[in-house]
C-alpha cells in the first residue's frame, strides 16, 4: 500500500478531484496548506510572500494504481502544457498498516 500526497494549486483542486473520480479513485483527504517551493515565494514590489496557498491531497492506494493516480494528477494539475513553477509536487510513501475505526478491519 502507498500514500500519494500531492501539493497542488488551489484553483486546480476541483479539476484534479473530478479527474481522479472519473478514473475510479474517489477517496481522498483534502487539506488547505501554505508553503513555498524552490522559488522561495513570490516577490511583488518590495514584499516577499513566502506562504503561498496550496492544497494537499492524500490518497491511500494499492501499489498497482500508483502510476494511474500520478498520471491523472499531473495531467489535471498542470496550468499549461509545459507546466509552470508552483504547479505542485507529488510524494509517494509506503503504508505499513491501515485500520478502519468503525469495524477494526485492516487494509484499504
N, C-alpha and C. Protein backbone atom coordinates (compact mmCIF):
# COMPACT_ATOMS: atom_id res chain seq x y z
N UNK A 1 0.83 -1.18 0.00
CA UNK A 1 0.00 0.00 0.00
C UNK A 1 0.88 1.24 0.00
N UNK A 2 0.34 2.28 -0.60
CA UNK A 2 1.08 3.54 -0.73
C UNK A 2 0.22 4.72 -0.32
N UNK A 3 0.88 5.78 0.09
CA UNK A 3 0.21 7.05 0.31
C UNK A 3 0.75 8.03 -0.72
N UNK A 4 -0.15 8.52 -1.56
CA UNK A 4 0.19 9.53 -2.55
C UNK A 4 -0.21 10.88 -1.95
N UNK A 5 0.77 11.76 -1.82
CA UNK A 5 0.50 13.11 -1.34
C UNK A 5 0.85 14.07 -2.46
N UNK A 6 -0.12 14.87 -2.86
CA UNK A 6 0.08 15.83 -3.94
C UNK A 6 -0.21 17.23 -3.42
N UNK A 7 0.75 18.12 -3.62
CA UNK A 7 0.55 19.52 -3.28
C UNK A 7 0.29 20.23 -4.61
N UNK A 8 -0.89 20.86 -4.71
CA UNK A 8 -1.32 21.47 -5.97
C UNK A 8 -1.83 22.89 -5.73
N UNK A 9 -2.02 23.61 -6.81
CA UNK A 9 -2.60 24.96 -6.71
C UNK A 9 -4.07 24.85 -6.30
N UNK A 10 -4.55 25.77 -5.46
CA UNK A 10 -5.94 25.70 -5.00
C UNK A 10 -6.96 25.74 -6.14
N UNK A 11 -6.67 26.50 -7.18
CA UNK A 11 -7.62 26.61 -8.28
C UNK A 11 -7.73 25.33 -9.11
N UNK A 12 -6.83 24.37 -8.88
CA UNK A 12 -6.85 23.10 -9.59
C UNK A 12 -7.51 21.99 -8.78
N UNK A 13 -7.87 22.27 -7.52
CA UNK A 13 -8.41 21.23 -6.63
C UNK A 13 -9.61 20.50 -7.23
N UNK A 14 -10.63 21.23 -7.61
CA UNK A 14 -11.85 20.59 -8.11
C UNK A 14 -11.59 19.79 -9.37
N UNK A 15 -10.79 20.33 -10.27
CA UNK A 15 -10.48 19.63 -11.52
C UNK A 15 -9.73 18.32 -11.25
N UNK A 16 -8.74 18.37 -10.36
CA UNK A 16 -7.97 17.17 -10.04
C UNK A 16 -8.86 16.12 -9.38
N UNK A 17 -9.68 16.54 -8.42
CA UNK A 17 -10.57 15.58 -7.74
C UNK A 17 -11.59 14.98 -8.71
N UNK A 18 -12.11 15.79 -9.63
CA UNK A 18 -13.05 15.29 -10.63
C UNK A 18 -12.39 14.26 -11.54
N UNK A 19 -11.18 14.56 -12.01
CA UNK A 19 -10.47 13.63 -12.89
C UNK A 19 -10.09 12.34 -12.16
N UNK A 20 -9.71 12.45 -10.89
CA UNK A 20 -9.44 11.24 -10.10
C UNK A 20 -10.70 10.39 -9.98
N UNK A 21 -11.82 11.02 -9.70
CA UNK A 21 -13.09 10.29 -9.57
C UNK A 21 -13.47 9.61 -10.89
N UNK A 22 -13.30 10.32 -12.02
CA UNK A 22 -13.58 9.73 -13.33
C UNK A 22 -12.72 8.50 -13.59
N UNK A 23 -11.49 8.51 -13.03
CA UNK A 23 -10.57 7.38 -13.22
C UNK A 23 -10.82 6.27 -12.18
N UNK A 24 -11.81 6.48 -11.31
CA UNK A 24 -12.16 5.45 -10.34
C UNK A 24 -11.52 5.61 -8.97
N UNK A 25 -10.87 6.74 -8.73
CA UNK A 25 -10.23 6.99 -7.45
C UNK A 25 -11.02 8.07 -6.71
N UNK A 26 -12.03 7.63 -5.97
CA UNK A 26 -12.95 8.55 -5.32
C UNK A 26 -12.48 9.02 -3.95
N UNK A 27 -11.70 8.21 -3.26
CA UNK A 27 -11.31 8.53 -1.88
C UNK A 27 -10.08 9.43 -1.85
N UNK A 28 -10.19 10.53 -1.11
CA UNK A 28 -9.07 11.44 -0.95
C UNK A 28 -9.31 12.29 0.29
N UNK A 29 -8.24 12.65 0.95
CA UNK A 29 -8.29 13.63 2.02
C UNK A 29 -7.74 14.92 1.45
N UNK A 30 -8.44 16.02 1.70
CA UNK A 30 -8.06 17.31 1.13
C UNK A 30 -7.83 18.31 2.28
N UNK A 31 -6.65 18.94 2.27
CA UNK A 31 -6.29 19.88 3.32
C UNK A 31 -5.74 21.15 2.68
N UNK A 32 -6.24 22.30 3.12
CA UNK A 32 -5.68 23.57 2.68
C UNK A 32 -4.39 23.81 3.47
N UNK A 33 -3.31 24.12 2.77
CA UNK A 33 -2.00 24.34 3.39
C UNK A 33 -1.36 25.59 2.80
N UNK A 34 -0.27 26.04 3.40
CA UNK A 34 0.54 27.10 2.83
C UNK A 34 1.98 26.64 2.83
N UNK A 35 2.77 27.20 1.92
CA UNK A 35 4.18 26.84 1.87
C UNK A 35 4.84 27.49 0.68
N UNK A 36 6.06 27.04 0.44
CA UNK A 36 6.81 27.56 -0.71
C UNK A 36 7.72 26.47 -1.21
N UNK A 37 8.10 26.59 -2.45
CA UNK A 37 9.00 25.63 -3.06
C UNK A 37 10.36 26.24 -3.30
N UNK A 38 11.03 25.74 -4.32
CA UNK A 38 12.38 26.20 -4.64
C UNK A 38 12.43 27.68 -4.98
N UNK A 39 11.32 28.23 -5.45
CA UNK A 39 11.33 29.63 -5.86
C UNK A 39 11.33 30.59 -4.67
N UNK A 40 11.24 30.08 -3.45
CA UNK A 40 11.33 30.88 -2.21
C UNK A 40 10.22 31.91 -2.10
N UNK A 41 9.05 31.60 -2.60
CA UNK A 41 7.93 32.53 -2.51
C UNK A 41 7.84 33.42 -3.73
N UNK A 42 7.03 34.45 -3.60
CA UNK A 42 6.79 35.39 -4.71
C UNK A 42 7.13 36.79 -4.21
N UNK A 43 7.89 37.53 -5.02
CA UNK A 43 8.22 38.91 -4.66
C UNK A 43 7.41 39.84 -5.55
N UNK A 44 6.62 40.69 -4.90
CA UNK A 44 5.82 41.68 -5.62
C UNK A 44 6.22 43.03 -5.05
N UNK A 45 6.86 43.83 -5.89
CA UNK A 45 7.42 45.09 -5.39
C UNK A 45 8.51 44.76 -4.38
N UNK A 46 8.44 45.35 -3.21
CA UNK A 46 9.42 45.08 -2.18
C UNK A 46 8.97 44.04 -1.17
N UNK A 47 7.80 43.42 -1.40
CA UNK A 47 7.24 42.47 -0.43
C UNK A 47 7.42 41.05 -0.95
N UNK A 48 7.90 40.17 -0.06
CA UNK A 48 8.06 38.75 -0.40
C UNK A 48 6.95 37.98 0.29
N UNK A 49 6.19 37.22 -0.49
CA UNK A 49 5.14 36.36 0.03
C UNK A 49 5.68 34.94 0.01
N UNK A 50 5.99 34.42 1.20
CA UNK A 50 6.58 33.08 1.24
C UNK A 50 5.65 32.03 1.81
N UNK A 51 4.41 32.40 2.08
CA UNK A 51 3.40 31.43 2.48
C UNK A 51 2.32 31.42 1.40
N UNK A 52 2.58 30.64 0.36
CA UNK A 52 1.69 30.57 -0.80
C UNK A 52 0.60 29.53 -0.52
N UNK A 53 -0.67 29.88 -0.74
CA UNK A 53 -1.75 28.90 -0.52
C UNK A 53 -1.63 27.73 -1.50
N UNK A 54 -1.78 26.53 -0.97
CA UNK A 54 -1.77 25.30 -1.77
C UNK A 54 -2.82 24.36 -1.20
N UNK A 55 -3.04 23.25 -1.87
CA UNK A 55 -3.94 22.19 -1.41
C UNK A 55 -3.14 20.90 -1.35
N UNK A 56 -3.30 20.17 -0.26
CA UNK A 56 -2.65 18.88 -0.10
C UNK A 56 -3.71 17.79 -0.27
N UNK A 57 -3.50 16.93 -1.26
CA UNK A 57 -4.37 15.76 -1.46
C UNK A 57 -3.62 14.55 -0.95
N UNK A 58 -4.30 13.71 -0.17
CA UNK A 58 -3.71 12.47 0.31
C UNK A 58 -4.61 11.32 -0.13
N UNK A 59 -3.99 10.35 -0.81
CA UNK A 59 -4.73 9.22 -1.36
C UNK A 59 -4.00 7.94 -0.97
N UNK A 60 -4.67 7.10 -0.19
CA UNK A 60 -4.13 5.78 0.14
C UNK A 60 -4.57 4.83 -0.97
N UNK A 61 -3.63 4.04 -1.49
CA UNK A 61 -3.95 3.20 -2.63
C UNK A 61 -3.11 1.93 -2.65
N UNK A 62 -3.53 1.00 -3.45
CA UNK A 62 -2.72 -0.19 -3.70
C UNK A 62 -1.58 0.21 -4.64
N UNK A 63 -0.47 -0.48 -4.51
CA UNK A 63 0.73 -0.16 -5.28
C UNK A 63 0.47 -0.18 -6.79
N UNK A 64 -0.35 -1.09 -7.25
CA UNK A 64 -0.57 -1.22 -8.69
C UNK A 64 -1.30 -0.02 -9.30
N UNK A 65 -1.93 0.84 -8.48
CA UNK A 65 -2.64 2.01 -9.00
C UNK A 65 -1.80 3.29 -8.99
N UNK A 66 -0.58 3.20 -8.46
CA UNK A 66 0.27 4.39 -8.29
C UNK A 66 0.45 5.16 -9.59
N UNK A 67 0.86 4.51 -10.66
CA UNK A 67 1.14 5.20 -11.91
C UNK A 67 -0.10 5.87 -12.49
N UNK A 68 -1.26 5.21 -12.36
CA UNK A 68 -2.51 5.80 -12.86
C UNK A 68 -2.86 7.07 -12.10
N UNK A 69 -2.74 7.02 -10.78
CA UNK A 69 -3.06 8.19 -9.96
C UNK A 69 -2.11 9.33 -10.26
N UNK A 70 -0.84 9.04 -10.35
CA UNK A 70 0.15 10.09 -10.64
C UNK A 70 -0.13 10.72 -12.00
N UNK A 71 -0.43 9.91 -12.99
CA UNK A 71 -0.72 10.41 -14.33
C UNK A 71 -1.92 11.35 -14.33
N UNK A 72 -2.99 10.98 -13.62
CA UNK A 72 -4.18 11.82 -13.55
C UNK A 72 -3.85 13.15 -12.87
N UNK A 73 -3.15 13.09 -11.76
CA UNK A 73 -2.83 14.32 -11.03
C UNK A 73 -1.97 15.24 -11.88
N UNK A 74 -0.94 14.72 -12.50
CA UNK A 74 -0.06 15.56 -13.33
C UNK A 74 -0.85 16.19 -14.47
N UNK A 75 -1.65 15.40 -15.14
CA UNK A 75 -2.43 15.91 -16.28
C UNK A 75 -3.41 17.01 -15.83
N UNK A 76 -4.09 16.81 -14.72
CA UNK A 76 -5.13 17.75 -14.29
C UNK A 76 -4.58 18.95 -13.52
N UNK A 77 -3.42 18.82 -12.89
CA UNK A 77 -2.90 19.90 -12.05
C UNK A 77 -2.03 20.89 -12.80
N UNK A 78 -1.53 20.53 -13.98
CA UNK A 78 -0.69 21.46 -14.75
C UNK A 78 -1.49 22.68 -15.17
N UNK A 79 -0.85 23.83 -15.14
CA UNK A 79 -1.53 25.06 -15.55
C UNK A 79 -1.32 25.38 -17.02
N UNK A 80 -0.43 24.65 -17.67
CA UNK A 80 -0.22 24.81 -19.11
C UNK A 80 0.36 23.50 -19.62
N UNK A 81 0.52 23.39 -20.93
CA UNK A 81 1.04 22.14 -21.49
C UNK A 81 2.43 21.80 -20.95
N UNK A 82 3.27 22.81 -20.81
CA UNK A 82 4.62 22.59 -20.28
C UNK A 82 4.66 22.60 -18.76
N UNK A 83 3.62 23.15 -18.13
CA UNK A 83 3.63 23.31 -16.68
C UNK A 83 4.34 24.61 -16.31
N UNK A 84 4.28 24.95 -15.03
CA UNK A 84 4.88 26.19 -14.56
C UNK A 84 5.36 26.02 -13.12
N UNK A 85 6.28 26.89 -12.71
CA UNK A 85 6.70 26.89 -11.32
C UNK A 85 5.47 27.05 -10.44
N UNK A 86 5.40 26.30 -9.37
CA UNK A 86 4.28 26.41 -8.45
C UNK A 86 3.12 25.49 -8.76
N UNK A 87 3.22 24.69 -9.83
CA UNK A 87 2.13 23.76 -10.14
C UNK A 87 2.02 22.66 -9.09
N UNK A 88 3.10 22.35 -8.40
CA UNK A 88 2.99 21.40 -7.30
C UNK A 88 4.04 20.31 -7.31
N UNK A 89 3.84 19.36 -6.41
CA UNK A 89 4.78 18.26 -6.21
C UNK A 89 3.98 17.05 -5.73
N UNK A 90 4.47 15.85 -6.09
CA UNK A 90 3.84 14.60 -5.65
C UNK A 90 4.87 13.81 -4.87
N UNK A 91 4.45 13.29 -3.73
CA UNK A 91 5.29 12.47 -2.88
C UNK A 91 4.64 11.11 -2.69
N UNK A 92 5.42 10.04 -2.72
CA UNK A 92 4.93 8.69 -2.53
C UNK A 92 5.60 8.09 -1.30
N UNK A 93 4.80 7.52 -0.41
CA UNK A 93 5.32 6.88 0.80
C UNK A 93 4.66 5.53 0.96
N UNK A 94 5.35 4.63 1.63
CA UNK A 94 4.79 3.32 1.94
C UNK A 94 3.86 3.42 3.14
N UNK A 95 2.83 2.60 3.14
CA UNK A 95 1.93 2.47 4.29
C UNK A 95 2.11 1.05 4.82
N UNK A 96 2.45 0.94 6.08
CA UNK A 96 2.65 -0.38 6.68
C UNK A 96 1.34 -1.06 7.03
N UNK A 97 0.40 -0.32 7.60
CA UNK A 97 -0.87 -0.90 8.01
C UNK A 97 -1.96 0.16 7.94
N UNK A 98 -3.20 -0.28 7.77
CA UNK A 98 -4.36 0.61 7.89
C UNK A 98 -5.44 -0.11 8.68
N UNK A 99 -6.26 0.68 9.37
CA UNK A 99 -7.37 0.14 10.15
C UNK A 99 -8.58 1.03 9.95
N UNK A 100 -9.73 0.42 9.75
CA UNK A 100 -10.98 1.15 9.71
C UNK A 100 -11.48 1.25 11.14
N UNK A 101 -11.69 2.45 11.61
CA UNK A 101 -12.05 2.67 13.02
C UNK A 101 -13.36 2.00 13.38
N UNK A 102 -14.39 2.12 12.54
CA UNK A 102 -15.71 1.59 12.90
C UNK A 102 -15.73 0.08 13.01
N UNK A 103 -15.00 -0.61 12.15
CA UNK A 103 -15.07 -2.07 12.13
C UNK A 103 -13.79 -2.75 12.64
N UNK A 104 -12.70 -1.99 12.67
CA UNK A 104 -11.44 -2.59 13.05
C UNK A 104 -10.78 -3.38 11.92
N UNK A 105 -11.41 -3.38 10.73
CA UNK A 105 -10.88 -4.12 9.58
C UNK A 105 -9.55 -3.50 9.15
N UNK A 106 -8.69 -4.35 8.59
CA UNK A 106 -7.41 -3.88 8.08
C UNK A 106 -7.44 -3.82 6.56
N UNK A 107 -6.52 -3.06 5.99
CA UNK A 107 -6.44 -2.93 4.53
C UNK A 107 -7.22 -1.73 4.07
N UNK A 108 -7.04 -1.40 2.80
CA UNK A 108 -7.72 -0.22 2.23
C UNK A 108 -9.17 -0.55 1.96
